[in-house]
Amino acid sequence: MLAVRDASLLNNSVDPALITIYVLGWLDVIGAAVAVFIDVDFWRRWVGGTWTRLHQSGLVATGLVIAYVFPIFHTAGTTLNC
C-alpha cells in the first residue's frame, strides 16, 4: 500500500484496498436483495419449520442493516468525495 508512506495517495485510483472495499460493499448490497427474495420464497413455499423461517428472516434483516450502512456511509461507492 502506497498510502502508508504518503497519506495524500489514499484515493481510489492508487490504493487497491479501497477498490476491494467498494466491490465488497456493493456485493453485500446485491446479496441482501437476493437474500430478501429467497426469504420471501421460503415463507411462500413453507420451507422448514416456523423457527427455521424466523431464523432466516433474522439473518436477512441483519444483512439488510449492513447493506444499508455501506451506501449511507459512502463505503460502497465509486469515490470517497460523495
N, C-alpha and C. Protein backbone atom coordinates (compact mmCIF):
# COMPACT_ATOMS: atom_id res chain seq x y z
N MET A 1 0.83 -1.17 0.00
CA MET A 1 0.00 0.00 0.00
C MET A 1 0.88 1.25 0.00
N LEU A 2 0.66 2.08 -0.96
CA LEU A 2 1.44 3.30 -1.06
C LEU A 2 1.05 4.35 -0.03
N ALA A 3 -0.16 4.26 0.48
CA ALA A 3 -0.65 5.28 1.42
C ALA A 3 0.03 5.20 2.78
N VAL A 4 0.74 4.14 3.04
CA VAL A 4 1.46 4.03 4.31
C VAL A 4 2.56 5.07 4.38
N ARG A 5 3.21 5.31 3.26
CA ARG A 5 4.29 6.30 3.22
C ARG A 5 3.78 7.72 2.99
N ASP A 6 2.76 7.87 2.19
CA ASP A 6 2.25 9.20 1.86
C ASP A 6 0.72 9.16 1.89
N ALA A 7 0.12 9.78 2.90
CA ALA A 7 -1.34 9.74 3.07
C ALA A 7 -2.08 10.46 1.95
N SER A 8 -1.41 11.33 1.22
CA SER A 8 -2.08 12.02 0.12
C SER A 8 -2.39 11.08 -1.04
N LEU A 9 -1.78 9.91 -1.05
CA LEU A 9 -2.05 8.94 -2.10
C LEU A 9 -3.25 8.06 -1.81
N LEU A 10 -3.93 8.31 -0.69
CA LEU A 10 -5.06 7.48 -0.30
C LEU A 10 -6.29 7.88 -1.11
N ASN A 11 -6.36 7.40 -2.32
CA ASN A 11 -7.52 7.62 -3.18
C ASN A 11 -7.79 6.36 -3.97
N ASN A 12 -8.94 6.32 -4.60
CA ASN A 12 -9.35 5.08 -5.24
C ASN A 12 -8.60 4.76 -6.52
N SER A 13 -7.84 5.68 -7.07
CA SER A 13 -7.10 5.38 -8.28
C SER A 13 -5.76 4.73 -7.98
N VAL A 14 -5.28 4.81 -6.74
CA VAL A 14 -3.97 4.27 -6.41
C VAL A 14 -4.07 3.08 -5.46
N ASP A 15 -4.94 3.16 -4.48
CA ASP A 15 -4.97 2.17 -3.41
C ASP A 15 -5.92 1.02 -3.75
N PRO A 16 -5.41 -0.17 -4.00
CA PRO A 16 -6.29 -1.30 -4.35
C PRO A 16 -7.16 -1.75 -3.18
N ALA A 17 -6.78 -1.44 -1.95
CA ALA A 17 -7.61 -1.82 -0.81
C ALA A 17 -8.95 -1.08 -0.85
N LEU A 18 -8.95 0.16 -1.29
CA LEU A 18 -10.20 0.91 -1.40
C LEU A 18 -11.11 0.33 -2.47
N ILE A 19 -10.52 -0.07 -3.58
CA ILE A 19 -11.31 -0.70 -4.63
C ILE A 19 -11.92 -2.00 -4.12
N THR A 20 -11.17 -2.75 -3.34
CA THR A 20 -11.69 -4.00 -2.76
C THR A 20 -12.85 -3.73 -1.82
N ILE A 21 -12.74 -2.69 -0.99
CA ILE A 21 -13.81 -2.33 -0.07
C ILE A 21 -15.06 -1.91 -0.85
N TYR A 22 -14.88 -1.13 -1.92
CA TYR A 22 -16.01 -0.74 -2.76
C TYR A 22 -16.72 -1.96 -3.33
N VAL A 23 -15.95 -2.88 -3.88
CA VAL A 23 -16.53 -4.07 -4.51
C VAL A 23 -17.26 -4.91 -3.47
N LEU A 24 -16.65 -5.12 -2.31
CA LEU A 24 -17.31 -5.92 -1.28
C LEU A 24 -18.58 -5.25 -0.76
N GLY A 25 -18.56 -3.93 -0.67
CA GLY A 25 -19.76 -3.21 -0.24
C GLY A 25 -20.91 -3.39 -1.22
N TRP A 26 -20.62 -3.27 -2.51
CA TRP A 26 -21.69 -3.44 -3.49
C TRP A 26 -22.14 -4.88 -3.60
N LEU A 27 -21.22 -5.83 -3.39
CA LEU A 27 -21.62 -7.24 -3.38
C LEU A 27 -22.57 -7.51 -2.22
N ASP A 28 -22.34 -6.87 -1.08
CA ASP A 28 -23.25 -7.04 0.05
C ASP A 28 -24.62 -6.46 -0.25
N VAL A 29 -24.67 -5.32 -0.91
CA VAL A 29 -25.96 -4.71 -1.26
C VAL A 29 -26.73 -5.63 -2.21
N ILE A 30 -26.04 -6.16 -3.20
CA ILE A 30 -26.70 -7.07 -4.14
C ILE A 30 -27.10 -8.37 -3.44
N GLY A 31 -26.22 -8.87 -2.57
CA GLY A 31 -26.52 -10.10 -1.84
C GLY A 31 -27.71 -9.95 -0.91
N ALA A 32 -27.88 -8.77 -0.33
CA ALA A 32 -29.02 -8.54 0.55
C ALA A 32 -30.32 -8.58 -0.24
N ALA A 33 -30.31 -8.04 -1.44
CA ALA A 33 -31.51 -8.09 -2.28
C ALA A 33 -31.86 -9.53 -2.65
N VAL A 34 -30.86 -10.33 -2.96
CA VAL A 34 -31.09 -11.74 -3.28
C VAL A 34 -31.60 -12.48 -2.04
N ALA A 35 -31.05 -12.16 -0.88
CA ALA A 35 -31.48 -12.82 0.36
C ALA A 35 -32.95 -12.51 0.68
N VAL A 36 -33.38 -11.28 0.40
CA VAL A 36 -34.80 -10.95 0.62
C VAL A 36 -35.68 -11.79 -0.29
N PHE A 37 -35.28 -11.93 -1.53
CA PHE A 37 -36.05 -12.76 -2.47
C PHE A 37 -36.13 -14.20 -1.97
N ILE A 38 -35.02 -14.75 -1.50
CA ILE A 38 -35.00 -16.12 -1.01
C ILE A 38 -35.85 -16.26 0.24
N ASP A 39 -35.79 -15.26 1.12
CA ASP A 39 -36.58 -15.32 2.35
C ASP A 39 -38.08 -15.29 2.06
N VAL A 40 -38.50 -14.44 1.15
CA VAL A 40 -39.91 -14.40 0.76
C VAL A 40 -40.33 -15.73 0.15
N ASP A 41 -39.45 -16.31 -0.64
CA ASP A 41 -39.74 -17.61 -1.24
C ASP A 41 -39.86 -18.70 -0.18
N PHE A 42 -39.02 -18.65 0.86
CA PHE A 42 -39.13 -19.62 1.97
C PHE A 42 -40.49 -19.52 2.63
N TRP A 43 -40.97 -18.31 2.87
CA TRP A 43 -42.27 -18.14 3.54
C TRP A 43 -43.42 -18.55 2.64
N ARG A 44 -43.30 -18.32 1.34
CA ARG A 44 -44.38 -18.69 0.42
C ARG A 44 -44.49 -20.20 0.25
N ARG A 45 -43.35 -20.89 0.20
CA ARG A 45 -43.37 -22.34 -0.03
C ARG A 45 -43.36 -23.14 1.27
N TRP A 46 -43.36 -22.49 2.43
CA TRP A 46 -43.34 -23.14 3.74
C TRP A 46 -42.16 -24.10 3.86
N VAL A 47 -40.96 -23.61 3.53
CA VAL A 47 -39.76 -24.42 3.64
C VAL A 47 -39.35 -24.49 5.11
N GLY A 48 -39.14 -25.69 5.62
CA GLY A 48 -38.71 -25.86 7.00
C GLY A 48 -39.82 -25.53 7.98
N GLY A 49 -39.43 -25.47 9.26
CA GLY A 49 -40.39 -25.13 10.30
C GLY A 49 -40.50 -23.63 10.50
N THR A 50 -41.36 -23.26 11.41
CA THR A 50 -41.56 -21.83 11.69
C THR A 50 -40.30 -21.19 12.22
N TRP A 51 -39.60 -21.87 13.14
CA TRP A 51 -38.38 -21.29 13.71
C TRP A 51 -37.27 -21.18 12.67
N THR A 52 -37.24 -22.11 11.73
CA THR A 52 -36.25 -22.03 10.65
C THR A 52 -36.50 -20.80 9.79
N ARG A 53 -37.76 -20.56 9.47
CA ARG A 53 -38.09 -19.39 8.64
C ARG A 53 -37.85 -18.10 9.42
N LEU A 54 -38.15 -18.09 10.72
CA LEU A 54 -37.88 -16.89 11.53
C LEU A 54 -36.38 -16.62 11.63
N HIS A 55 -35.60 -17.69 11.75
CA HIS A 55 -34.15 -17.54 11.80
C HIS A 55 -33.64 -16.97 10.47
N GLN A 56 -34.15 -17.49 9.36
CA GLN A 56 -33.77 -16.98 8.04
C GLN A 56 -34.14 -15.50 7.91
N SER A 57 -35.31 -15.13 8.41
CA SER A 57 -35.73 -13.73 8.34
C SER A 57 -34.83 -12.84 9.19
N GLY A 58 -34.41 -13.34 10.34
CA GLY A 58 -33.48 -12.58 11.18
C GLY A 58 -32.14 -12.37 10.50
N LEU A 59 -31.64 -13.41 9.83
CA LEU A 59 -30.38 -13.27 9.09
C LEU A 59 -30.52 -12.26 7.96
N VAL A 60 -31.65 -12.30 7.28
CA VAL A 60 -31.89 -11.35 6.19
C VAL A 60 -31.97 -9.93 6.73
N ALA A 61 -32.64 -9.74 7.86
CA ALA A 61 -32.74 -8.41 8.46
C ALA A 61 -31.36 -7.87 8.83
N THR A 62 -30.50 -8.73 9.36
CA THR A 62 -29.14 -8.32 9.68
C THR A 62 -28.38 -7.92 8.42
N GLY A 63 -28.52 -8.72 7.37
CA GLY A 63 -27.86 -8.39 6.10
C GLY A 63 -28.36 -7.09 5.51
N LEU A 64 -29.66 -6.81 5.68
CA LEU A 64 -30.21 -5.55 5.17
C LEU A 64 -29.65 -4.35 5.93
N VAL A 65 -29.47 -4.50 7.22
CA VAL A 65 -28.89 -3.40 8.01
C VAL A 65 -27.46 -3.12 7.55
N ILE A 66 -26.69 -4.17 7.37
CA ILE A 66 -25.31 -3.99 6.91
C ILE A 66 -25.30 -3.41 5.50
N ALA A 67 -26.20 -3.89 4.64
CA ALA A 67 -26.27 -3.37 3.27
C ALA A 67 -26.72 -1.91 3.26
N TYR A 68 -27.49 -1.49 4.25
CA TYR A 68 -27.91 -0.09 4.36
C TYR A 68 -26.74 0.79 4.78
N VAL A 69 -25.88 0.27 5.65
CA VAL A 69 -24.77 1.07 6.19
C VAL A 69 -23.74 1.38 5.10
N PHE A 70 -23.44 0.43 4.23
CA PHE A 70 -22.41 0.65 3.22
C PHE A 70 -22.68 1.86 2.33
N PRO A 71 -23.83 1.98 1.69
CA PRO A 71 -24.04 3.17 0.85
C PRO A 71 -24.23 4.46 1.64
N ILE A 72 -24.85 4.38 2.82
CA ILE A 72 -25.10 5.59 3.60
C ILE A 72 -23.80 6.25 4.04
N PHE A 73 -22.83 5.45 4.44
CA PHE A 73 -21.54 5.99 4.88
C PHE A 73 -20.52 6.03 3.76
N HIS A 74 -20.98 5.91 2.52
CA HIS A 74 -20.14 6.01 1.32
C HIS A 74 -18.99 5.02 1.32
N THR A 75 -19.21 3.85 1.93
CA THR A 75 -18.22 2.80 1.86
C THR A 75 -18.37 2.01 0.56
N ALA A 76 -19.61 1.84 0.13
CA ALA A 76 -19.86 1.24 -1.17
C ALA A 76 -20.16 2.40 -2.11
N GLY A 77 -19.16 2.81 -2.82
CA GLY A 77 -19.35 3.94 -3.72
C GLY A 77 -18.37 3.88 -4.86
N THR A 78 -18.36 4.91 -5.63
CA THR A 78 -17.39 4.97 -6.72
C THR A 78 -16.25 5.93 -6.39
N THR A 79 -16.49 6.85 -5.47
CA THR A 79 -15.42 7.74 -5.00
C THR A 79 -15.65 8.04 -3.52
N LEU A 80 -14.64 8.58 -2.86
CA LEU A 80 -14.79 8.98 -1.47
C LEU A 80 -15.21 10.45 -1.35
N ASN A 81 -15.43 11.11 -2.48
CA ASN A 81 -15.78 12.53 -2.47
C ASN A 81 -17.28 12.77 -2.37
N CYS A 82 -18.07 11.76 -2.12
CA CYS A 82 -19.53 11.91 -2.08
C CYS A 82 -19.97 12.73 -0.90
